[in-house]
Amino acid sequence: MRTGVSGKAGSALAGGIMRRVSVSTYIAVSFLAAAAAARLWAADEPHNNWPGEQGQTWASIAKLPDWRGAWGLDADSFRRGVQIATSPDPNNPYHAPLTPAFEAKRLANGAANGGHGPATGTINNSANCIPNGMPGLMQAPFAFEFVMAPGMVYVLPENNSVRRIYTDGRPHPDDPDPSFNGHSIGHWEGSVLVVDTVAISKRAEYFMGLKTSGHAHVIERMFKKDAKTFEIDTTVEDPLAFTRPFVYTKTYQFSSHGMMEYVCAENNRDNNGTLDLTPPE
């Protein structure tokens, strides 16, 4: 004999149960969402224990160095970067201390044919409208802006590949997702911003034509040398790519022209091996 509730009574009971389940589920989900939001908000609270001004508030930022304006890589810094990438001479003073495996990659690409690259052209990210990534991005021949906000410094290059440097005291994530520009945290030591970057994609470039191993660790010391000069001292660590830390300095000059629009694909004439020589309108 089957027993149970049927008809309108059964429907009413089922409806009541569903409403209670729905309400209970809603409460549980809302509680979890609130807890997650609380954790996120807590992560955004200033908790930087470094001494001195760290830019946690707008008032604190006002006491930090004034980096406003556009800063372009100077000609000498760019020339040294080209030599690092393309010189076939291992004794050139700007030679990177590469491991044999990565030196072979460099010699087969940028430094091939006496430094002119392969007959088909040097393979590099910029030529294919792919982000340079770190640390190659900061060696590119265009201008940069440095924008400060509470707990953050934004690096805005003309190619729109934005870097975010967290200065709120947070550590790197335990298991960060690799990206072209990596995950950057920083702190101020007086007038110098010290930046630590990890989780850099192996598709990013150390310099023109040489991709990273996926294990790069980049340390930068950024500072305004004078009213017209900005410098970044860089140390790149990666035992797979370098026999010792790769240390160099890049200099940027204040640009009175400001930032200019740069859209790589706008004039990319080489499309899947087909060169478009149609004159621009």
Protein backbone atom coordinates (compact mmCIF):
# COMPACT_ATOMS: atom_id res chain seq x y z
CA MET A 1 0.00 0.00 0.00
CA ARG A 2 1.50 3.31 -1.06
CA THR A 3 1.31 6.09 1.46
CA GLY A 4 2.13 9.75 1.10
CA VAL A 5 0.66 13.11 0.38
CA SER A 6 -1.04 13.75 -2.91
CA GLY A 7 -3.07 16.36 -4.67
CA LYS A 8 -3.11 19.97 -3.49
CA ALA A 9 -1.74 19.02 -0.10
CA GLY A 10 1.29 17.38 -1.70
CA SER A 11 1.88 20.36 -3.96
CA ALA A 12 1.66 22.73 -1.03
CA LEU A 13 4.08 20.64 1.00
CA ALA A 14 6.53 20.39 -1.90
CA GLY A 15 6.28 24.10 -2.48
CA GLY A 16 6.97 24.82 1.18
CA ILE A 17 9.99 22.55 1.18
CA MET A 18 11.32 24.14 -2.01
CA ARG A 19 10.84 27.62 -0.60
CA ARG A 20 12.69 26.65 2.59
CA VAL A 21 15.49 25.04 0.55
CA SER A 22 15.67 28.08 -1.72
CA VAL A 23 15.77 30.47 1.22
CA SER A 24 18.39 28.35 2.97
CA THR A 25 20.47 28.14 -0.20
CA TYR A 26 20.15 31.88 -0.75
CA ILE A 27 21.28 32.59 2.81
CA ALA A 28 24.23 30.20 2.49
CA VAL A 29 25.34 31.62 -0.86
CA SER A 30 24.93 35.18 0.41
CA PHE A 31 27.01 34.37 3.47
CA LEU A 32 29.79 32.85 1.35
CA ALA A 33 29.73 35.79 -1.03
CA ALA A 34 29.92 38.25 1.85
CA ALA A 35 32.82 36.34 3.37
CA ALA A 36 34.66 36.30 0.04
CA ALA A 37 34.03 40.03 -0.41
CA ALA A 38 35.28 40.69 3.10
CA ARG A 39 38.50 38.89 2.27
CA LEU A 40 38.91 40.91 -0.90
CA TRP A 41 38.20 44.17 0.93
CA ALA A 42 40.64 43.17 3.65
CA ALA A 43 43.30 42.54 0.99
CA ASP A 44 42.78 46.07 -0.25
CA GLU A 45 43.27 47.64 3.17
CA PRO A 46 46.66 49.34 3.61
CA HIS A 47 48.97 46.95 5.42
CA ASN A 48 52.41 47.92 4.14
CA ASN A 49 55.01 47.69 6.90
CA TRP A 50 57.87 49.26 4.97
CA PRO A 51 59.21 52.43 6.63
CA GLY A 52 58.60 55.83 5.10
CA GLU A 53 55.89 56.97 2.73
CA GLN A 54 54.44 54.06 0.76
CA GLY A 55 51.60 55.74 -1.13
CA GLN A 56 48.78 54.13 0.82
CA THR A 57 46.64 57.27 0.63
CA TRP A 58 46.39 60.28 -1.67
CA ALA A 59 48.00 62.37 1.07
CA SER A 60 50.92 59.94 1.20
CA ILE A 61 51.25 59.94 -2.61
CA ALA A 62 51.58 63.73 -2.53
CA LYS A 63 54.82 63.24 -0.53
CA LEU A 64 56.32 60.82 -3.05
CA PRO A 65 58.45 61.85 -6.06
CA ASP A 66 56.61 63.54 -8.91
CA TRP A 67 56.89 61.24 -11.92
CA ARG A 68 54.25 62.93 -14.05
CA GLY A 69 54.82 63.23 -17.78
CA ALA A 70 55.91 60.96 -20.60
CA TRP A 71 59.34 59.29 -20.42
CA GLY A 72 60.91 57.84 -23.55
CA LEU A 73 63.78 55.37 -23.76
CA ASP A 74 66.86 57.32 -24.83
CA ALA A 75 68.84 56.50 -27.98
CA ASP A 76 71.88 55.11 -26.16
CA SER A 77 69.80 52.72 -24.07
CA PHE A 78 68.02 51.50 -27.20
CA ARG A 79 71.33 51.05 -29.05
CA ARG A 80 72.75 48.95 -26.21
CA GLY A 81 69.62 46.81 -26.26
CA VAL A 82 69.99 46.18 -29.98
CA GLN A 83 73.62 45.15 -29.45
CA ILE A 84 72.61 42.73 -26.70
CA ALA A 85 70.10 41.11 -29.03
CA THR A 86 72.01 41.11 -32.32
CA SER A 87 75.79 41.32 -31.80
CA PRO A 88 77.53 38.11 -32.94
CA ASP A 89 80.59 39.12 -30.89
CA PRO A 90 80.54 37.39 -27.46
CA ASN A 91 83.11 39.94 -26.25
CA ASN A 92 80.94 42.97 -26.92
CA PRO A 93 80.64 44.92 -23.62
CA TYR A 94 76.85 44.62 -23.56
CA HIS A 95 76.75 40.85 -24.05
CA ALA A 96 74.21 39.13 -21.79
CA PRO A 97 75.62 36.28 -19.63
CA LEU A 98 73.50 33.62 -21.32
CA THR A 99 73.71 29.89 -20.78
CA PRO A 100 74.86 27.91 -23.84
CA ALA A 101 71.29 26.87 -24.64
CA PHE A 102 69.96 30.44 -24.64
CA GLU A 103 73.02 31.84 -26.39
CA ALA A 104 72.35 29.34 -29.18
CA LYS A 105 68.79 30.68 -29.45
CA ARG A 106 70.09 34.25 -29.65
CA LEU A 107 72.67 33.37 -32.30
CA ALA A 108 70.03 31.61 -34.39
CA ASN A 109 67.69 34.60 -34.32
CA GLY A 110 68.68 38.21 -33.68
CA ALA A 111 72.43 37.63 -34.02
CA ALA A 112 72.27 35.44 -37.14
CA ASN A 113 73.93 36.56 -40.39
CA GLY A 114 76.44 38.83 -38.71
CA GLY A 115 73.82 40.49 -36.56
CA HIS A 116 71.27 41.06 -39.33
CA GLY A 117 69.02 38.20 -38.23
CA PRO A 118 67.71 35.29 -40.31
CA ALA A 119 66.99 35.85 -44.00
CA THR A 120 63.28 35.76 -43.19
CA GLY A 121 63.72 38.42 -40.51
CA THR A 122 64.28 38.36 -36.76
CA ILE A 123 61.42 36.65 -34.98
CA ASN A 124 60.27 38.88 -32.16
CA ASN A 125 57.02 39.73 -30.43
CA SER A 126 56.72 43.32 -31.62
CA ALA A 127 56.95 42.32 -35.29
CA ASN A 128 53.92 40.10 -34.75
CA CYS A 129 51.95 42.56 -32.61
CA ILE A 130 52.39 40.35 -29.55
CA PRO A 131 53.18 42.04 -26.21
CA ASN A 132 56.89 42.31 -25.43
CA GLY A 133 56.27 41.18 -21.88
CA MET A 134 58.74 41.66 -19.06
CA PRO A 135 61.51 42.61 -18.95
CA GLY A 136 61.63 43.40 -22.68
CA LEU A 137 58.73 45.84 -22.44
CA MET A 138 60.82 48.41 -20.55
CA GLN A 139 63.46 48.30 -23.31
CA ALA A 140 61.03 49.21 -26.09
CA PRO A 141 61.53 52.50 -27.99
CA PHE A 142 58.38 54.28 -26.96
CA ALA A 143 57.20 56.46 -24.10
CA PHE A 144 55.90 55.46 -20.67
CA GLU A 145 53.75 57.12 -18.04
CA PHE A 146 53.88 56.28 -14.33
CA VAL A 147 50.57 56.84 -12.56
CA MET A 148 50.25 56.52 -8.79
CA ALA A 149 47.12 55.54 -6.89
CA PRO A 150 46.72 54.38 -3.28
CA GLY A 151 48.49 51.05 -3.00
CA MET A 152 49.34 50.90 -6.70
CA VAL A 153 51.65 52.27 -9.38
CA TYR A 154 50.56 51.86 -12.99
CA VAL A 155 53.12 51.78 -15.81
CA LEU A 156 51.41 52.85 -19.01
CA PRO A 157 53.44 52.32 -22.20
CA GLU A 158 52.33 53.69 -25.54
CA ASN A 159 51.58 50.15 -26.78
CA ASN A 160 48.83 49.86 -24.11
CA SER A 161 50.44 46.88 -22.33
CA VAL A 162 49.63 48.09 -18.81
CA ARG A 163 51.74 47.04 -15.83
CA ARG A 164 50.26 47.06 -12.32
CA ILE A 165 52.70 47.30 -9.42
CA TYR A 166 51.01 46.61 -6.08
CA THR A 167 52.48 48.75 -3.30
CA ASP A 168 49.97 47.89 -0.57
CA GLY A 169 52.23 45.30 1.08
CA ARG A 170 50.68 42.18 -0.40
CA PRO A 171 53.02 39.27 -1.28
CA HIS A 172 53.09 37.46 -4.59
CA PRO A 173 50.30 34.85 -4.92
CA ASP A 174 51.26 31.31 -3.95
CA ASP A 175 50.40 29.99 -7.41
CA PRO A 176 50.15 32.94 -9.80
CA ASP A 177 49.02 32.55 -13.40
CA PRO A 178 51.87 33.45 -15.78
CA SER A 179 51.31 36.52 -17.92
CA PHE A 180 53.34 38.65 -20.30
CA ASN A 181 54.01 41.34 -17.70
CA GLY A 182 54.02 39.01 -14.71
CA HIS A 183 52.92 39.82 -11.15
CA SER A 184 54.64 42.87 -9.67
CA ILE A 185 54.84 44.08 -6.08
CA GLY A 186 56.82 47.09 -4.93
CA HIS A 187 57.78 49.34 -2.06
CA TRP A 188 59.37 52.77 -1.75
CA GLU A 189 62.86 53.29 -0.37
CA GLY A 190 62.84 57.05 -0.16
CA SER A 191 62.67 58.32 -3.74
CA VAL A 192 63.28 54.87 -5.27
CA LEU A 193 60.51 52.42 -6.16
CA VAL A 194 61.78 48.84 -5.77
CA VAL A 195 59.77 46.41 -7.89
CA ASP A 196 59.80 42.61 -7.75
CA THR A 197 58.21 40.73 -10.66
CA VAL A 198 57.56 36.99 -11.04
CA ALA A 199 55.12 34.73 -12.94
CA ILE A 200 56.34 35.94 -16.33
CA SER A 201 55.10 33.95 -19.31
CA LYS A 202 57.62 32.04 -21.38
CA ARG A 203 56.17 33.90 -24.38
CA ALA A 204 57.53 37.18 -22.99
CA GLU A 205 60.96 38.40 -24.08
CA TYR A 206 64.15 39.13 -22.16
CA PHE A 207 65.08 41.41 -25.02
CA MET A 208 64.29 41.56 -28.73
CA GLY A 209 63.97 38.07 -30.13
CA LEU A 210 64.81 36.03 -27.02
CA LYS A 211 61.89 34.58 -25.09
CA THR A 212 62.10 33.82 -21.38
CA SER A 213 62.27 30.35 -19.90
CA GLY A 214 59.11 30.93 -17.89
CA HIS A 215 61.16 31.21 -14.69
CA ALA A 216 62.33 34.82 -14.83
CA HIS A 217 62.60 36.92 -11.70
CA VAL A 218 63.01 40.64 -12.34
CA ILE A 219 64.02 43.26 -9.77
CA GLU A 220 63.87 46.94 -10.73
CA ARG A 221 64.90 50.11 -8.96
CA MET A 222 63.02 53.02 -10.54
CA PHE A 223 63.93 56.62 -9.79
CA LYS A 224 63.88 60.10 -11.25
CA LYS A 225 67.49 61.17 -11.64
CA ASP A 226 66.71 64.80 -12.40
CA ALA A 227 63.92 66.88 -13.92
CA LYS A 228 64.57 65.47 -17.40
CA THR A 229 65.98 62.01 -16.67
CA PHE A 230 64.43 58.81 -15.33
CA GLU A 231 66.38 55.59 -14.75
CA ILE A 232 65.62 51.95 -14.05
CA ASP A 233 68.34 49.65 -12.71
CA THR A 234 67.32 46.09 -13.57
CA THR A 235 68.47 42.69 -12.34
CA VAL A 236 67.16 39.59 -14.11
CA GLU A 237 67.59 36.21 -12.45
CA ASP A 238 66.99 32.88 -14.18
CA PRO A 239 69.47 29.98 -13.87
CA LEU A 240 68.02 28.38 -16.99
CA ALA A 241 68.80 31.41 -19.15
CA PHE A 242 71.72 33.20 -17.45
CA THR A 243 74.99 32.04 -15.93
CA ARG A 244 74.74 34.90 -13.43
CA PRO A 245 72.25 37.71 -12.76
CA PHE A 246 71.84 39.92 -15.81
CA VAL A 247 72.25 43.52 -14.61
CA TYR A 248 71.71 46.64 -16.72
CA THR A 249 70.43 50.23 -16.55
CA LYS A 250 67.99 51.93 -18.90
CA THR A 251 67.63 55.70 -19.14
CA TYR A 252 64.50 57.58 -20.18
CA GLN A 253 64.21 61.22 -21.14
CA PHE A 254 61.27 63.51 -20.45
CA SER A 255 59.23 63.90 -23.63
CA SER A 256 57.69 67.29 -24.27
CA HIS A 257 55.52 65.64 -26.93
CA GLY A 258 53.68 63.59 -24.33
CA MET A 259 52.20 60.19 -25.07
CA MET A 260 51.33 59.23 -28.63
CA GLU A 261 48.82 56.64 -29.80
CA TYR A 262 50.47 53.40 -30.90
CA VAL A 263 48.37 50.59 -32.36
CA CYS A 264 50.59 47.82 -33.68
CA ALA A 265 47.99 46.18 -35.91
CA GLU A 266 47.12 49.49 -37.58
CA ASN A 267 50.13 49.33 -39.90
CA ASN A 268 50.96 45.64 -39.71
CA ARG A 269 51.57 44.92 -43.39
CA ASP A 270 52.84 41.35 -42.99
CA ASN A 271 49.73 39.18 -42.63
CA ASN A 272 50.34 35.42 -42.52
CA GLY A 273 53.32 35.75 -44.82
CA THR A 274 51.58 38.05 -47.30
CA LEU A 275 53.06 41.53 -47.52
CA ASP A 276 50.54 44.29 -48.18
CA LEU A 277 52.19 47.23 -50.00
CA THR A 278 48.99 49.20 -50.59
CA PRO A 279 49.75 52.89 -49.92
CA PRO A 280 47.97 54.28 -46.85
CA GLU A 281 44.93 56.46 -47.48
